Amino acid sequence: MSQNPEIHTLSNGLNVVLSHNPNIRTVQTAFFINVGSNIENLKNSGICHFLEHMIFKGTKTRTANDISKTIEENGGYINAWTSKEKTCFYTKMLFNDVNISIDILSDIILNSTFEEKELIKEKSVVKEEIDQSQDDPEDLVYELFMQNTYKNYSLGLPILGTKNNVSSFTNKDLSNLIQDYYTASNMVVCICGNLKDKEAILAKLESSLKSLPTKNIENKHKEAIFQPSVNTLVKKELNQAQIIYGFNYPNYYADNKDFFTAKLINVILGVGMSSRLFQEIREKQGLVYSIDSTYATYHNTGFLAIQAGCNVDSLPKINHSINQEILKLQTDKITEAEINKAKKLMVSSLYMSLENLYSTTERLAISYLNHGKIESIDNIVENINNITAENILNFSQKNHSKKSISIVANKDINLDDF
């Protein structure tokens, strides 16, 4: 995959990122909108996700079946997702069919009708999705963690919303959301793959998206402050407990040293079978089947989350073991061998992602939406390799003092143990 993506701006101000790879036969086309559940409140929580569903349910000239059939009869696929801060609609097709992708994605963004009969059906579908999420203990503990760690902030609200909210959404609600946020200044189109004629692609985008609204969007990212807490939820039917440990970490605007130190600590602690948590808590003690960590970043906050599934009676031991691993990072300087292993994992993962069209498309678009630029792979690798053991020690001492713990289990937990 090209490491030198091109950035173009259409006449309406829409930014387009193109990344050409002549050695493959496919193209990924993605429309990224810089809006997600973080703009919502208690009354309309879930509307961004519901809009993502409804956008596929018909336009002025296409039915829902027309949309999917047009893509699939040409061997492609189409999908979408909503996150806390972004919404994405994307296709993957053979490179000769990139114009079909642009036609379909432009049409659903600009011309969706949100007919009442489709609203009724899709409300039922999304309510089923909410039920499914509430039956998944991993989803449950994550939502519990977010709701308590970011209590009273939009970031803590569930992306799916509530059943009551979903029932209340109207055609006008969805149309207003599109009008307010689906604008040229608040979007990026990213197309990666075999782009045999980039000028023709840009001309197609220009003609297909000429009616896209151009108004500027004011800062829509609401404040979000990490709040340490310990909380539990009892689900009697579970066979296994789920626990999340969260630590307040930098947002994605942090300086390079802090940002890449945080990413490296995440790898050291919980990425892969040779990570500290996996080796100590699963391999040596046999207390869990799964344990890992994730570094999540947002506009105003970030966190490191350690998540494990275990027998409820093992929770005190796991709590002690996780605390010990965190303490080691705060007191013992990491060896050069371990830091070099973590760096190699990060760098190899980055290079491997270049072989995946979707990963490349997402990285380029989100980087541009967040920072207004795309950092080169060489610069990212350099930043990773510049992190020292001293950086990790200092960062750990500064950022591991406050934690938030969420537990979903089949019986009451004595919180004094945590």
Protein backbone atom coordinates (compact mmCIF):
# COMPACT_ATOMS: atom_id res chain seq x y z
CA MET A 1 0.00 0.00 0.00
CA SER A 2 1.23 3.47 -0.84
CA GLN A 3 2.81 5.28 2.09
CA ASN A 4 2.32 8.63 0.34
CA PRO A 5 -1.41 9.28 0.17
CA GLU A 6 -2.62 12.30 -1.77
CA ILE A 7 -5.01 14.86 -0.27
CA HIS A 8 -7.35 16.73 -2.61
CA THR A 9 -10.05 19.29 -1.89
CA LEU A 10 -13.22 19.45 -3.98
CA SER A 11 -14.83 22.74 -4.94
CA ASN A 12 -17.28 22.47 -2.01
CA GLY A 13 -14.43 22.09 0.49
CA LEU A 14 -14.73 18.31 0.95
CA ASN A 15 -11.33 16.71 1.58
CA VAL A 16 -10.50 13.51 -0.29
CA VAL A 17 -7.67 11.13 0.57
CA LEU A 18 -6.45 8.83 -2.22
CA SER A 19 -3.95 6.02 -1.72
CA HIS A 20 -2.91 4.02 -4.79
CA ASN A 21 -1.65 0.44 -4.88
CA PRO A 22 -1.27 -0.92 -8.44
CA ASN A 23 -0.59 -4.46 -7.21
CA ILE A 24 -4.14 -5.31 -6.10
CA ARG A 25 -7.46 -5.58 -7.92
CA THR A 26 -9.84 -3.97 -5.43
CA VAL A 27 -10.79 -0.55 -4.07
CA GLN A 28 -12.10 0.46 -0.66
CA THR A 29 -14.28 3.59 -0.71
CA ALA A 30 -15.24 5.12 2.62
CA PHE A 31 -17.18 8.21 3.67
CA PHE A 32 -16.16 9.25 7.20
CA ILE A 33 -18.31 11.75 9.10
CA ASN A 34 -16.82 13.42 12.15
CA VAL A 35 -19.81 12.76 14.38
CA GLY A 36 -20.82 9.99 16.79
CA SER A 37 -22.64 9.36 20.03
CA ASN A 38 -20.52 11.94 21.83
CA ILE A 39 -22.79 14.73 20.50
CA GLU A 40 -25.89 13.12 22.05
CA ASN A 41 -27.70 13.56 25.35
CA LEU A 42 -29.99 11.45 27.54
CA LYS A 43 -33.04 12.25 25.40
CA ASN A 44 -31.55 11.41 21.99
CA SER A 45 -28.86 8.88 22.90
CA GLY A 46 -28.60 6.36 20.05
CA ILE A 47 -29.70 8.64 17.22
CA CYS A 48 -26.34 8.62 15.37
CA HIS A 49 -26.38 4.83 15.34
CA PHE A 50 -30.03 4.72 14.29
CA LEU A 51 -29.28 7.10 11.42
CA GLU A 52 -26.49 4.78 10.31
CA HIS A 53 -29.09 2.01 10.00
CA MET A 54 -31.74 4.13 8.31
CA ILE A 55 -29.42 5.53 5.66
CA PHE A 56 -29.50 2.09 3.98
CA LYS A 57 -33.32 1.96 3.85
CA GLY A 58 -33.99 3.80 0.64
CA THR A 59 -33.37 7.02 -1.28
CA LYS A 60 -35.41 9.08 -3.71
CA THR A 61 -34.47 6.72 -6.55
CA ARG A 62 -33.39 3.47 -4.87
CA THR A 63 -35.05 1.01 -2.51
CA ALA A 64 -33.13 -0.68 0.29
CA ASN A 65 -32.87 -3.77 -1.90
CA ASP A 66 -31.58 -1.69 -4.82
CA ILE A 67 -28.76 -0.36 -2.65
CA SER A 68 -27.46 -3.73 -1.49
CA LYS A 69 -28.19 -5.52 -4.77
CA THR A 70 -26.28 -2.97 -6.88
CA ILE A 71 -23.18 -3.51 -4.77
CA GLU A 72 -23.46 -7.29 -4.37
CA GLU A 73 -24.33 -8.14 -7.98
CA ASN A 74 -20.99 -6.56 -8.85
CA GLY A 75 -19.17 -8.72 -6.31
CA GLY A 76 -18.76 -6.05 -3.63
CA TYR A 77 -19.97 -5.44 -0.11
CA ILE A 78 -21.26 -2.42 1.76
CA ASN A 79 -21.39 -1.71 5.48
CA ALA A 80 -21.19 0.99 8.13
CA TRP A 81 -20.38 1.64 11.77
CA THR A 82 -20.92 4.26 14.45
CA SER A 83 -18.46 5.00 17.25
CA LYS A 84 -18.27 7.59 20.03
CA GLU A 85 -16.90 10.24 17.66
CA LYS A 86 -17.17 8.96 14.09
CA THR A 87 -19.61 7.43 11.61
CA CYS A 88 -18.38 5.55 8.54
CA PHE A 89 -20.07 4.16 5.41
CA TYR A 90 -17.89 2.03 3.17
CA THR A 91 -17.74 -0.36 0.26
CA LYS A 92 -15.16 -2.71 -1.18
CA MET A 93 -15.33 -3.61 -4.87
CA LEU A 94 -13.24 -4.56 -7.87
CA PHE A 95 -11.25 -1.57 -9.03
CA ASN A 96 -13.22 -1.15 -12.26
CA ASP A 97 -16.38 -0.56 -10.19
CA VAL A 98 -15.25 2.36 -8.04
CA ASN A 99 -17.83 4.62 -9.71
CA ILE A 100 -20.61 2.35 -8.49
CA SER A 101 -19.35 2.75 -4.93
CA ILE A 102 -19.27 6.53 -5.28
CA ASP A 103 -22.79 6.55 -6.77
CA ILE A 104 -24.29 4.47 -3.98
CA LEU A 105 -22.51 6.14 -1.05
CA SER A 106 -23.26 9.61 -2.37
CA ASP A 107 -26.91 8.75 -2.91
CA ILE A 108 -27.51 7.37 0.59
CA ILE A 109 -25.76 10.34 2.21
CA LEU A 110 -27.60 12.96 0.16
CA ASN A 111 -30.98 11.47 -0.71
CA SER A 112 -32.20 9.11 2.01
CA THR A 113 -35.96 9.41 2.54
CA PHE A 114 -36.51 7.79 5.97
CA GLU A 115 -39.99 6.54 5.11
CA GLU A 116 -42.26 5.81 8.06
CA LYS A 117 -42.71 2.11 7.24
CA GLU A 118 -38.92 1.68 7.17
CA LEU A 119 -38.56 3.59 10.44
CA ILE A 120 -40.98 1.21 12.15
CA LYS A 121 -39.17 -1.91 10.90
CA GLU A 122 -35.68 -0.64 11.71
CA LYS A 123 -36.66 0.43 15.21
CA SER A 124 -37.52 -3.20 15.87
CA VAL A 125 -34.16 -4.31 14.44
CA VAL A 126 -32.15 -1.89 16.59
CA LYS A 127 -34.07 -2.90 19.72
CA GLU A 128 -33.03 -6.50 18.98
CA GLU A 129 -29.44 -5.27 18.71
CA ILE A 130 -29.77 -3.59 22.11
CA ASP A 131 -31.12 -6.83 23.64
CA GLN A 132 -28.26 -8.80 22.09
CA SER A 133 -25.71 -6.39 23.55
CA GLN A 134 -27.29 -6.69 27.01
CA ASP A 135 -26.95 -10.48 26.80
CA ASP A 136 -23.20 -10.18 26.16
CA PRO A 137 -21.23 -9.85 29.42
CA GLU A 138 -18.24 -8.27 27.64
CA ASP A 139 -20.50 -5.56 26.20
CA LEU A 140 -22.22 -5.14 29.55
CA VAL A 141 -19.03 -4.55 31.52
CA TYR A 142 -17.76 -2.09 28.91
CA GLU A 143 -20.99 -0.06 29.07
CA LEU A 144 -20.91 -0.17 32.88
CA PHE A 145 -17.34 1.10 32.79
CA MET A 146 -18.13 3.95 30.38
CA GLN A 147 -21.32 5.00 32.18
CA ASN A 148 -19.57 5.28 35.53
CA THR A 149 -16.14 6.51 34.45
CA TYR A 150 -17.74 9.25 32.34
CA LYS A 151 -20.88 9.74 34.40
CA ASN A 152 -22.92 12.80 33.36
CA TYR A 153 -20.90 13.13 30.14
CA SER A 154 -22.07 12.20 26.64
CA LEU A 155 -19.06 9.92 26.22
CA GLY A 156 -20.55 7.65 28.88
CA LEU A 157 -23.81 7.10 26.99
CA PRO A 158 -24.26 3.86 25.02
CA ILE A 159 -23.79 4.14 21.27
CA LEU A 160 -26.91 2.02 20.70
CA GLY A 161 -29.01 4.25 22.94
CA THR A 162 -32.08 2.96 24.78
CA LYS A 163 -35.22 1.26 23.53
CA ASN A 164 -37.34 4.22 24.62
CA ASN A 165 -35.15 6.64 22.71
CA VAL A 166 -35.16 4.48 19.59
CA SER A 167 -38.97 4.33 19.72
CA SER A 168 -39.14 8.12 19.77
CA PHE A 169 -36.95 8.93 16.76
CA THR A 170 -38.71 10.58 13.80
CA ASN A 171 -38.00 11.34 10.17
CA LYS A 172 -37.40 14.96 11.18
CA ASP A 173 -34.85 13.95 13.86
CA LEU A 174 -32.81 12.04 11.29
CA SER A 175 -33.08 14.77 8.64
CA ASN A 176 -31.93 17.39 11.17
CA LEU A 177 -28.93 15.28 12.16
CA ILE A 178 -27.87 14.96 8.50
CA GLN A 179 -28.39 18.68 7.94
CA ASP A 180 -26.36 19.60 11.02
CA TYR A 181 -23.39 17.23 10.67
CA TYR A 182 -23.20 15.60 7.24
CA THR A 183 -21.42 18.54 5.64
CA ALA A 184 -18.32 18.96 3.49
CA SER A 185 -16.29 20.50 6.30
CA ASN A 186 -17.19 17.64 8.65
CA MET A 187 -16.40 14.72 6.33
CA VAL A 188 -13.52 12.99 4.64
CA VAL A 189 -13.78 10.63 1.68
CA CYS A 190 -10.97 8.08 1.62
CA ILE A 191 -10.40 5.75 -1.34
CA CYS A 192 -7.63 3.17 -1.25
CA GLY A 193 -6.60 0.43 -3.66
CA ASN A 194 -5.96 0.20 -7.36
CA LEU A 195 -6.83 3.72 -8.45
CA LYS A 196 -6.00 3.48 -12.14
CA ASP A 197 -7.41 6.93 -12.94
CA LYS A 198 -7.33 9.29 -9.99
CA GLU A 199 -8.46 12.30 -12.00
CA ALA A 200 -11.57 10.43 -13.12
CA ILE A 201 -12.30 9.43 -9.51
CA LEU A 202 -12.01 13.05 -8.36
CA ALA A 203 -14.27 14.20 -11.19
CA LYS A 204 -16.84 11.57 -10.21
CA LEU A 205 -16.75 12.70 -6.59
CA GLU A 206 -17.07 16.32 -7.67
CA SER A 207 -20.22 15.65 -9.68
CA SER A 208 -21.77 13.17 -7.22
CA LEU A 209 -21.28 15.32 -4.12
CA LYS A 210 -21.83 18.81 -5.54
CA SER A 211 -25.00 19.27 -3.46
CA LEU A 212 -23.32 18.35 -0.17
CA PRO A 213 -23.92 21.19 2.35
CA THR A 214 -20.89 23.38 2.96
CA LYS A 215 -21.63 25.03 6.31
CA ASN A 216 -18.90 24.94 8.95
CA ILE A 217 -19.47 22.92 12.12
CA GLU A 218 -18.63 24.49 15.48
CA ASN A 219 -16.66 22.45 18.00
CA LYS A 220 -19.04 19.57 18.71
CA HIS A 221 -16.86 17.56 21.08
CA LYS A 222 -18.32 17.79 24.54
CA GLU A 223 -16.21 17.79 27.67
CA ALA A 224 -15.37 14.38 29.12
CA ILE A 225 -13.48 13.92 32.39
CA PHE A 226 -12.27 10.55 33.66
CA GLN A 227 -13.84 9.83 37.06
CA PRO A 228 -12.34 7.04 39.20
CA SER A 229 -14.99 4.68 40.55
CA VAL A 230 -15.66 1.09 41.56
CA ASN A 231 -19.01 -0.39 40.52
CA THR A 232 -20.71 -3.72 39.92
CA LEU A 233 -23.70 -5.17 38.13
CA VAL A 234 -25.27 -8.50 39.13
CA LYS A 235 -26.50 -10.82 36.34
CA LYS A 236 -27.58 -14.09 37.97
CA GLU A 237 -27.54 -16.10 34.74
CA LEU A 238 -23.81 -15.59 34.06
CA ASN A 239 -21.28 -18.38 34.52
CA GLN A 240 -18.29 -16.06 34.49
CA ALA A 241 -17.46 -12.60 35.80
CA GLN A 242 -16.10 -9.81 33.62
CA ILE A 243 -13.87 -7.06 34.98
CA ILE A 244 -12.41 -3.89 33.49
CA TYR A 245 -9.64 -1.84 35.07
CA GLY A 246 -9.34 1.65 33.58
CA PHE A 247 -6.59 4.25 33.99
CA ASN A 248 -6.77 7.85 32.82
CA TYR A 249 -4.51 8.20 29.77
CA PRO A 250 -3.82 11.02 27.27
CA ASN A 251 -6.24 11.95 24.49
CA TYR A 252 -5.21 11.77 20.83
CA TYR A 253 -3.86 15.33 20.92
CA ALA A 254 -1.15 14.39 23.41
CA ASP A 255 2.44 15.11 22.46
CA ASN A 256 4.21 12.31 20.63
CA LYS A 257 6.24 11.20 23.65
CA ASP A 258 3.22 10.65 25.91
CA PHE A 259 1.01 9.23 23.15
CA PHE A 260 3.51 6.62 21.97
CA THR A 261 4.63 5.81 25.51
CA ALA A 262 0.98 5.03 26.33
CA LYS A 263 0.67 2.82 23.25
CA LEU A 264 3.87 0.98 24.17
CA ILE A 265 2.72 0.36 27.76
CA ASN A 266 -0.52 -1.09 26.38
CA VAL A 267 1.49 -3.59 24.32
CA ILE A 268 3.74 -4.47 27.25
CA LEU A 269 0.82 -5.09 29.58
CA GLY A 270 -1.82 -6.78 27.51
CA VAL A 271 -1.20 -7.33 23.80
CA GLY A 272 -0.35 -10.88 22.81
CA MET A 273 0.35 -14.12 24.64
CA SER A 274 3.78 -12.97 25.82
CA SER A 275 2.40 -9.82 27.45
CA ARG A 276 2.88 -9.38 31.19
CA LEU A 277 -0.79 -9.81 32.14
CA PHE A 278 -1.31 -12.89 29.98
CA GLN A 279 1.86 -14.56 31.24
CA GLU A 280 1.28 -13.83 34.91
CA ILE A 281 -2.47 -14.21 35.30
CA ARG A 282 -3.31 -16.86 32.71
CA GLU A 283 -0.13 -18.85 32.13
CA LYS A 284 1.40 -18.83 35.63
CA GLN A 285 -1.72 -18.66 37.82
CA GLY A 286 -4.38 -20.09 35.49
CA LEU A 287 -6.98 -17.64 36.77
CA VAL A 288 -8.47 -16.54 33.44
CA TYR A 289 -9.13 -17.71 29.92
CA SER A 290 -8.84 -14.24 28.42
CA ILE A 291 -7.09 -11.08 29.57
CA ASP A 292 -5.87 -8.17 27.49
CA SER A 293 -5.60 -4.40 27.39
CA THR A 294 -6.68 -1.59 25.07
CA TYR A 295 -5.67 2.05 24.77
CA ALA A 296 -8.70 4.14 23.73
CA THR A 297 -8.30 7.80 22.73
CA TYR A 298 -10.88 10.53 22.20
CA HIS A 299 -10.93 14.28 21.63
CA ASN A 300 -10.95 15.22 25.32
CA THR A 301 -9.82 12.09 27.14
CA GLY A 302 -8.30 8.64 26.89
CA PHE A 303 -7.94 5.52 28.97
CA LEU A 304 -6.10 2.23 29.25
CA ALA A 305 -8.58 -0.59 29.84
CA ILE A 306 -7.53 -4.01 31.16
CA GLN A 307 -10.31 -6.57 30.66
CA ALA A 308 -10.56 -10.14 31.91
CA GLY A 309 -13.12 -12.92 32.18
CA CYS A 310 -12.90 -15.28 35.16
CA ASN A 311 -14.66 -17.25 37.88
CA VAL A 312 -16.20 -14.77 40.29
CA ASP A 313 -14.29 -16.28 43.23
CA SER A 314 -10.99 -15.48 41.49
CA LEU A 315 -11.66 -11.74 41.35
CA PRO A 316 -9.70 -10.83 44.54
CA LYS A 317 -6.61 -12.70 43.27
CA ILE A 318 -6.90 -11.10 39.83
CA ASN A 319 -7.32 -7.69 41.42
CA HIS A 320 -4.13 -8.24 43.43
CA SER A 321 -2.19 -9.51 40.39
CA ILE A 322 -3.21 -6.59 38.16
CA ASN A 323 -2.25 -4.13 40.90
CA GLN A 324 1.15 -5.82 41.20
CA GLU A 325 1.79 -5.55 37.47
CA ILE A 326 0.88 -1.85 37.52
CA LEU A 327 3.14 -1.33 40.55
CA LYS A 328 6.06 -2.94 38.71
CA LEU A 329 5.72 -0.40 35.92
CA GLN A 330 5.82 2.39 38.51
CA THR A 331 8.86 1.11 40.39
CA ASP A 332 11.00 -1.04 38.08
CA LYS A 333 12.58 0.22 34.90
CA ILE A 334 11.71 -2.05 31.97
CA THR A 335 14.58 -3.98 30.38
CA GLU A 336 15.87 -3.14 26.93
CA ALA A 337 14.95 -6.63 25.75
CA GLU A 338 11.30 -6.21 26.75
CA ILE A 339 10.96 -2.70 25.38
CA ASN A 340 12.52 -3.77 22.07
CA LYS A 341 10.10 -6.69 21.83
CA ALA A 342 7.15 -4.34 22.36
CA LYS A 343 8.47 -1.91 19.77
CA LYS A 344 8.86 -4.69 17.22
CA LEU A 345 5.28 -5.80 17.86
CA MET A 346 4.00 -2.27 17.30
CA VAL A 347 6.05 -1.67 14.17
CA SER A 348 5.27 -5.04 12.61
CA SER A 349 1.56 -4.56 13.34
CA LEU A 350 1.71 -1.18 11.62
CA TYR A 351 3.40 -2.59 8.53
CA MET A 352 1.04 -5.57 8.40
CA SER A 353 -1.93 -3.18 8.48
CA LEU A 354 -0.66 -1.65 5.24
CA GLU A 355 -1.56 -4.93 3.54
CA ASN A 356 -5.19 -4.54 4.64
CA LEU A 357 -7.27 -2.07 2.62
CA TYR A 358 -9.78 -1.41 5.37
CA SER A 359 -7.11 -0.78 8.02
CA THR A 360 -5.31 1.61 5.70
CA THR A 361 -8.48 3.48 4.80
CA GLU A 362 -9.48 3.87 8.45
CA ARG A 363 -6.02 4.99 9.56
CA LEU A 364 -5.72 7.64 6.85
CA ALA A 365 -9.23 9.05 7.25
CA ILE A 366 -9.26 9.18 11.04
CA SER A 367 -5.79 10.72 11.13
CA TYR A 368 -6.94 13.46 8.78
CA LEU A 369 -10.21 14.09 10.64
CA ASN A 370 -8.46 14.26 14.02
CA HIS A 371 -5.31 16.17 13.08
CA GLY A 372 -5.84 17.74 9.67
CA LYS A 373 -2.86 15.82 8.35
CA ILE A 374 -1.60 12.29 7.79
CA GLU A 375 1.60 11.31 9.53
CA SER A 376 3.96 9.20 7.46
CA ILE A 377 4.68 5.61 8.42
CA ASP A 378 8.37 6.50 8.79
CA ASN A 379 7.54 9.22 11.35
CA ILE A 380 5.29 6.87 13.31
CA VAL A 381 8.03 4.24 13.44
CA GLU A 382 10.55 6.86 14.51
CA ASN A 383 8.27 8.01 17.33
CA ILE A 384 7.84 4.42 18.52
CA ASN A 385 11.58 3.76 18.50
CA ASN A 386 12.33 7.00 20.37
CA ILE A 387 10.50 5.86 23.52
CA THR A 388 12.83 4.91 26.37
CA ALA A 389 12.55 2.86 29.54
CA GLU A 390 12.78 6.13 31.46
CA ASN A 391 9.74 7.47 29.54
CA ILE A 392 7.73 4.40 30.53
CA LEU A 393 8.71 4.66 34.20
CA ASN A 394 7.88 8.38 34.41
CA PHE A 395 4.60 7.96 32.53
CA SER A 396 3.52 5.06 34.78
CA GLN A 397 4.24 7.03 37.94
CA LYS A 398 2.17 9.95 36.61
CA ASN A 399 -0.80 8.11 35.10
CA HIS A 400 -1.45 4.97 37.16
CA SER A 401 -2.53 6.52 40.46
CA LYS A 402 -6.27 6.82 39.64
CA LYS A 403 -8.30 3.88 38.41
CA SER A 404 -11.87 2.97 37.60
CA ILE A 405 -13.08 -0.61 38.05
CA SER A 406 -16.26 -2.18 36.69
CA ILE A 407 -17.40 -5.74 37.36
CA VAL A 408 -20.29 -7.78 35.98
CA ALA A 409 -20.83 -10.97 38.00
CA ASN A 410 -23.49 -13.51 39.00
CA LYS A 411 -23.51 -12.47 42.65
CA ASP A 412 -22.77 -9.48 44.86
CA ILE A 413 -19.13 -8.48 45.17
CA ASN A 414 -17.45 -7.15 48.29
CA LEU A 415 -16.11 -3.85 46.96
CA ASP A 416 -13.81 -3.48 49.98
CA ASP A 417 -11.55 -5.99 48.19
CA PHE A 418 -10.99 -3.43 45.41
